[in-house]
Protein backbone atom coordinates (compact mmCIF):
# COMPACT_ATOMS: atom_id res chain seq x y z
CA MET A 1 91.95 89.63 121.14
CA GLY A 2 94.33 92.68 120.87
CA GLU A 3 94.59 92.37 116.88
CA SER A 4 93.25 94.92 114.68
CA THR A 5 93.27 94.74 110.73
CA VAL A 6 94.77 97.72 108.19
CA THR A 7 94.62 97.99 104.67
CA THR A 8 97.84 97.65 103.17
CA LEU A 9 99.58 99.29 100.12
CA GLU A 10 98.16 96.18 97.91
CA GLY A 11 94.27 96.37 99.39
CA GLN A 12 95.25 93.79 101.54
CA GLN A 13 93.33 93.57 104.85
CA GLY A 14 96.65 92.36 107.22
CA PRO A 15 96.91 91.98 111.25
CA THR A 16 98.90 94.21 113.27
CA THR A 17 99.29 94.26 117.16
CA SER A 18 98.64 96.52 119.28
CA PRO A 19 101.55 98.32 121.55
CA MET A 20 99.51 96.50 124.31
CA ALA A 21 99.33 93.22 123.44
CA ASP A 22 103.13 93.45 122.53
CA ASP A 23 103.76 94.19 125.74
CA ARG A 24 101.42 90.98 127.14
CA ARG A 25 102.96 88.57 125.03
CA ASP A 26 106.83 89.14 125.38
CA GLY A 27 106.31 89.54 129.45
CA ARG A 28 106.59 93.10 129.69
CA GLY A 29 104.18 95.20 131.12
CA LEU A 30 104.22 98.56 133.22
CA LEU A 31 106.82 96.82 135.95
CA GLY A 32 109.13 94.91 132.53
CA ARG A 33 109.06 99.15 131.19
CA ILE A 34 110.24 100.35 134.90
CA ARG A 35 112.70 97.38 135.01
CA ALA A 36 113.88 97.57 131.15
CA PRO A 37 117.87 98.96 131.43
CA ARG A 38 117.89 102.71 130.05
CA ARG A 39 120.72 104.80 129.22
CA PRO A 40 121.27 106.56 132.51
CA ARG A 41 121.48 110.55 132.83
CA LEU A 42 123.95 111.94 134.60
CA TRP A 43 122.24 114.58 136.41
CA PHE A 44 120.40 111.83 137.85
CA GLU A 45 122.96 110.12 138.54
CA ILE A 46 124.71 112.95 140.26
CA LEU A 47 121.51 113.93 142.72
CA LEU A 48 120.95 110.55 143.57
CA ILE A 49 124.49 109.41 144.69
CA ALA A 50 124.58 112.56 146.77
CA VAL A 51 121.49 112.11 148.75
CA SER A 52 121.82 109.02 148.78
CA TYR A 53 125.14 109.02 150.43
CA TRP A 54 123.42 112.29 152.72
CA THR A 55 120.75 109.57 154.10
CA TYR A 56 122.69 107.01 154.55
CA SER A 57 125.33 109.10 156.68
CA LEU A 58 122.48 110.81 158.25
CA ILE A 59 121.16 107.29 159.24
CA ARG A 60 123.99 105.61 160.22
CA ASN A 61 124.95 108.85 163.00
CA ALA A 62 121.49 108.21 164.15
CA VAL A 63 121.59 105.16 165.54
CA PRO A 64 121.63 105.65 168.94
CA GLU A 65 125.20 105.54 170.21
CA GLN A 66 124.76 102.19 172.44
CA ARG A 67 128.29 102.18 174.14
CA SER A 68 128.02 99.04 177.00
CA GLN A 69 126.03 97.50 174.40
CA ALA A 70 128.95 97.92 171.80
CA LEU A 71 131.82 96.92 174.08
CA ARG A 72 129.54 93.68 175.45
CA ASN A 73 129.25 92.77 171.46
CA ALA A 74 133.01 93.68 170.71
CA ASP A 75 134.22 91.51 173.74
CA TRP A 76 131.93 89.01 172.19
CA ILE A 77 133.49 88.88 168.56
CA TRP A 78 137.00 88.89 170.26
CA ARG A 79 135.91 85.18 172.33
CA MET A 80 134.58 83.83 169.43
CA GLU A 81 137.46 84.82 167.40
CA HIS A 82 139.76 83.38 169.50
CA HIS A 83 137.82 80.22 169.85
CA LEU A 84 138.09 79.93 165.97
CA SER A 85 141.86 80.45 166.18
CA ILE A 86 141.18 83.33 163.97
CA ALA A 87 141.97 86.30 166.55
CA VAL A 88 145.19 87.83 164.76
CA GLU A 89 144.18 91.32 164.33
CA GLN A 90 145.71 92.24 167.66
CA SER A 91 148.92 90.75 166.34
CA VAL A 92 148.63 92.59 162.60
CA ASN A 93 147.89 96.03 164.34
CA HIS A 94 151.02 96.14 166.63
CA ALA A 95 153.46 94.78 163.67
CA VAL A 96 151.63 97.27 160.59
CA ASN A 97 152.27 100.18 163.75
CA SER A 98 155.47 99.56 164.49
CA VAL A 99 156.47 100.47 160.51
CA THR A 100 155.84 104.27 160.18
CA TRP A 101 155.32 104.86 156.48
CA LEU A 102 153.42 101.76 156.05
CA ILE A 103 150.69 102.50 159.29
CA VAL A 104 150.59 105.97 157.84
CA GLY A 105 149.64 105.47 154.54
CA MET A 106 146.91 102.76 156.03
CA ASN A 107 145.45 105.64 157.68
CA TYR A 108 144.76 107.74 154.16
CA TYR A 109 144.15 104.37 151.88
CA TYR A 110 141.39 103.92 154.62
CA ALA A 111 139.94 107.67 154.78
CA THR A 112 140.25 107.83 151.28
CA LEU A 113 140.06 105.19 148.37
CA HIS A 114 136.81 104.12 150.21
CA PHE A 115 134.81 106.69 148.49
CA ILE A 116 137.20 107.18 145.86
CA VAL A 117 137.53 103.93 144.01
CA THR A 118 133.58 103.25 144.39
CA LEU A 119 132.62 106.83 142.67
CA GLY A 120 135.68 105.95 139.96
CA VAL A 121 133.88 102.71 138.88
CA LEU A 122 130.44 104.24 139.24
CA VAL A 123 131.53 106.30 136.84
CA TRP A 124 133.28 103.61 134.77
CA LEU A 125 130.22 101.97 134.21
CA PHE A 126 128.17 104.66 133.42
CA ARG A 127 130.04 105.64 130.42
CA CYS A 128 131.67 102.18 129.30
CA HIS A 129 128.82 100.23 130.72
CA PRO A 130 125.78 101.97 130.75
CA GLY A 131 123.33 98.79 130.20
CA ARG A 132 124.64 97.24 133.45
CA TYR A 133 124.94 100.68 135.31
CA ALA A 134 121.73 100.62 137.11
CA ALA A 135 121.70 96.87 137.67
CA ALA A 136 125.52 97.56 139.59
CA ARG A 137 124.47 100.48 141.53
CA MET A 138 120.98 98.86 142.42
CA ALA A 139 123.47 96.20 143.93
CA LEU A 140 125.42 98.77 145.76
CA PHE A 141 122.75 100.43 147.05
CA ALA A 142 120.68 97.76 148.57
CA THR A 143 124.12 96.65 149.80
CA THR A 144 124.68 99.60 151.57
CA ALA A 145 120.75 99.77 152.81
CA VAL A 146 120.56 96.91 154.50
CA ALA A 147 123.98 97.79 156.88
CA LEU A 148 122.31 100.47 158.18
CA VAL A 149 120.10 97.64 159.58
CA GLY A 150 122.72 95.46 160.92
CA TYR A 151 124.51 98.71 162.61
CA TYR A 152 120.83 99.45 164.33
CA LEU A 153 120.16 96.20 165.62
CA TYR A 154 124.02 94.99 166.43
CA PRO A 155 126.13 97.77 167.45
CA LEU A 156 129.78 96.85 167.41
CA ALA A 157 132.59 98.39 168.59
CA PRO A 158 135.91 98.60 166.59
CA PRO A 159 139.22 97.10 168.41
CA ARG A 160 140.43 100.66 169.02
CA LEU A 161 137.89 101.39 171.05
CA MET A 162 137.32 97.66 173.27
CA ASN A 163 138.13 98.00 176.64
CA GLY A 164 141.76 96.31 178.04
CA GLY A 165 142.06 95.25 174.14
CA HIS A 166 145.29 96.75 174.14
CA PHE A 167 145.28 97.60 170.54
CA VAL A 168 146.61 100.88 168.98
CA ASP A 169 144.38 103.99 167.64
CA THR A 170 146.87 104.60 164.51
CA VAL A 171 145.18 107.47 163.85
CA ALA A 172 145.49 109.50 167.25
CA VAL A 173 148.77 107.80 167.71
CA HIS A 174 150.26 108.92 164.39
CA HIS A 175 148.45 112.33 164.70
CA THR A 176 146.85 111.50 160.80
CA TRP A 177 143.90 112.12 159.34
CA GLY A 178 142.66 109.18 158.56
CA SER A 179 139.59 107.88 159.96
CA MET A 180 135.98 109.97 160.63
CA ALA A 181 135.51 107.61 163.52
CA SER A 182 138.84 109.14 165.43
CA GLY A 183 140.98 111.81 166.02
CA ASP A 184 139.10 115.17 165.47
CA LEU A 185 136.28 114.32 163.35
CA LYS A 186 135.37 111.59 165.94
CA HIS A 187 132.51 113.50 166.96
CA MET A 188 131.08 113.21 163.51
CA SER A 189 130.36 109.81 162.96
CA ASN A 190 128.91 107.02 165.33
CA GLN A 191 131.96 104.93 166.19
CA TYR A 192 129.65 102.19 167.54
CA ALA A 193 128.86 101.54 163.80
CA ALA A 194 131.63 98.59 163.13
CA MET A 195 129.48 95.67 161.96
CA PRO A 196 129.41 95.76 159.05
CA SER A 197 132.13 96.45 157.85
CA MET A 198 131.26 98.89 154.26
CA HIS A 199 134.77 99.16 153.58
CA ILE A 200 134.45 95.53 152.90
CA GLY A 201 130.81 95.54 151.33
CA TRP A 202 132.01 98.66 149.09
CA SER A 203 135.92 97.41 148.03
CA LEU A 204 134.41 93.71 147.27
CA TRP A 205 131.60 95.27 145.06
CA CYS A 206 134.61 97.23 143.39
CA GLY A 207 136.41 94.53 142.67
CA LEU A 208 134.06 91.95 141.37
CA THR A 209 132.85 94.70 138.94
CA ILE A 210 136.14 95.34 137.74
CA PHE A 211 137.29 91.83 137.44
CA ALA A 212 133.98 90.79 135.69
CA LEU A 213 134.02 93.80 133.62
CA ALA A 214 137.76 94.57 132.75
CA SER A 215 139.61 93.58 129.41
CA VAL A 216 143.23 94.22 130.25
CA PRO A 217 144.27 91.61 132.43
CA TRP A 218 146.29 93.53 135.45
CA VAL A 219 143.45 95.09 135.84
CA ARG A 220 140.92 92.47 136.42
CA ILE A 221 143.82 91.54 139.16
CA LEU A 222 143.89 94.61 140.46
CA GLY A 223 140.38 94.54 141.01
CA LEU A 224 140.95 91.38 142.73
CA LEU A 225 143.31 92.98 144.91
CA TYR A 226 142.09 96.01 145.96
CA PRO A 227 139.17 94.14 148.48
CA ALA A 228 141.82 91.93 149.79
CA LEU A 229 144.46 95.16 150.24
CA THR A 230 141.26 96.60 151.96
CA LEU A 231 140.66 93.98 154.60
CA VAL A 232 144.39 94.18 155.34
CA VAL A 233 144.07 97.84 156.39
CA ILE A 234 140.77 97.32 158.11
CA VAL A 235 142.73 95.27 160.40
CA SER A 236 145.67 96.95 160.52
CA THR A 237 144.61 100.11 161.55
CA ALA A 238 142.18 98.31 164.69
CA ASN A 239 138.75 99.87 162.78
CA HIS A 240 137.46 96.29 162.16
CA PHE A 241 137.37 92.60 163.24
CA TRP A 242 138.02 89.93 160.63
CA LEU A 243 134.34 89.07 161.64
CA ASP A 244 133.29 92.58 160.11
CA ALA A 245 134.66 91.94 156.92
CA VAL A 246 132.21 89.08 156.40
CA GLY A 247 129.48 91.11 157.55
CA GLY A 248 130.33 93.17 154.66
CA MET A 249 130.38 90.18 152.25
CA VAL A 250 126.67 89.13 153.31
CA CYS A 251 125.31 92.31 152.42
CA LEU A 252 126.80 92.61 149.23
CA ALA A 253 125.52 89.26 148.96
CA PHE A 254 122.13 90.38 149.59
CA GLY A 255 122.65 92.91 147.53
CA PHE A 256 123.55 91.08 144.27
CA THR A 257 120.24 89.18 145.29
CA VAL A 258 117.93 92.15 144.90
CA ALA A 259 119.57 93.07 141.68
CA ARG A 260 119.58 89.88 140.19
CA LEU A 261 115.36 89.61 141.74
CA TRP A 262 114.52 93.10 139.98
CA TYR A 263 116.15 93.03 136.71
CA GLY A 264 116.70 89.07 136.45
CA ALA A 265 119.96 88.65 135.70
CA LEU A 266 122.93 89.52 137.22
CA PRO A 267 124.60 92.78 136.17
CA TYR A 268 127.70 91.46 134.80
CA THR A 269 125.08 89.58 132.79
CA MET A 270 123.25 92.19 131.16
CA PRO A 271 124.14 93.58 128.27
CA ARG A 272 127.13 96.36 127.84
CA LEU A 273 125.17 98.93 125.92
CA VAL A 274 121.54 100.28 126.04
CA PRO A 275 119.42 99.65 122.49
CA ALA A 276 118.59 103.25 120.96
CA LEU A 277 114.73 102.15 120.52
CA ALA A 278 114.78 100.57 123.93
CA THR A 279 116.23 104.18 125.69
CA SER A 280 113.29 105.92 123.78
CA GLY A 281 110.65 103.35 124.29
CA VAL A 282 110.18 102.88 120.43
CA ARG A 283 110.12 99.07 119.11
CA PRO A 284 111.24 97.93 116.37
CA PRO A 285 109.21 96.58 113.64
CA GLY A 286 108.18 92.91 113.91
CA THR A 287 108.37 92.92 117.60
């Protein structure tokens, strides 16, 4: 079934396979065609990223600022970290804050690189790894989406807002534009959405992507250093606990799992380029 006969130039009858039969044989139906990597379109990606980030910000800031519950959760996290002997955030915060040029640089790092590096990696994937772009982008989007669930279910105050925590709000103290959750911009962002840390989720996504796909050794090393330095920054500026970073890692693992289930492979193991025939929907002869 699914085969018909055609007359060849020599007058002989030969079998041919219908496109629908081909799709059934290689496992590609409608779902398979949707999953197949396609060359990304610039206008669509710009629109998708802009709308997605706007939606993410809208939902994140629409989550009720449950101040009392967020402060209780912060107290619990702080006690748990003391129990685990990893409660070093306050010491790091005070030590780095004593070096003005260093903490000011970290304030600007926290405010800017989170967006600049992530967009830069997306552009690099778009240009140099189009076959992997969609899967990697899905991992990032799924990571961000599940983080919204965390913000809703577990409101958490950052260390700098704890009652009696004696943390330094480095942006307020040094009068720098370093966080949308401090200073003049604090009313534009939900201050009690610290768990999970998307600074870690996004930076680790960037770091793993660079390490897996870059061809220059020192660039790969920088890829691994980026999330490590981000972890130091979020703690030094008292914007997150260590355990917020763990939450970001869990979200990223979820994001990669979603991409793996959808595409049948991790983004970095997929072909670098999208075959021309695949992008046009034309199947090569004999397949």
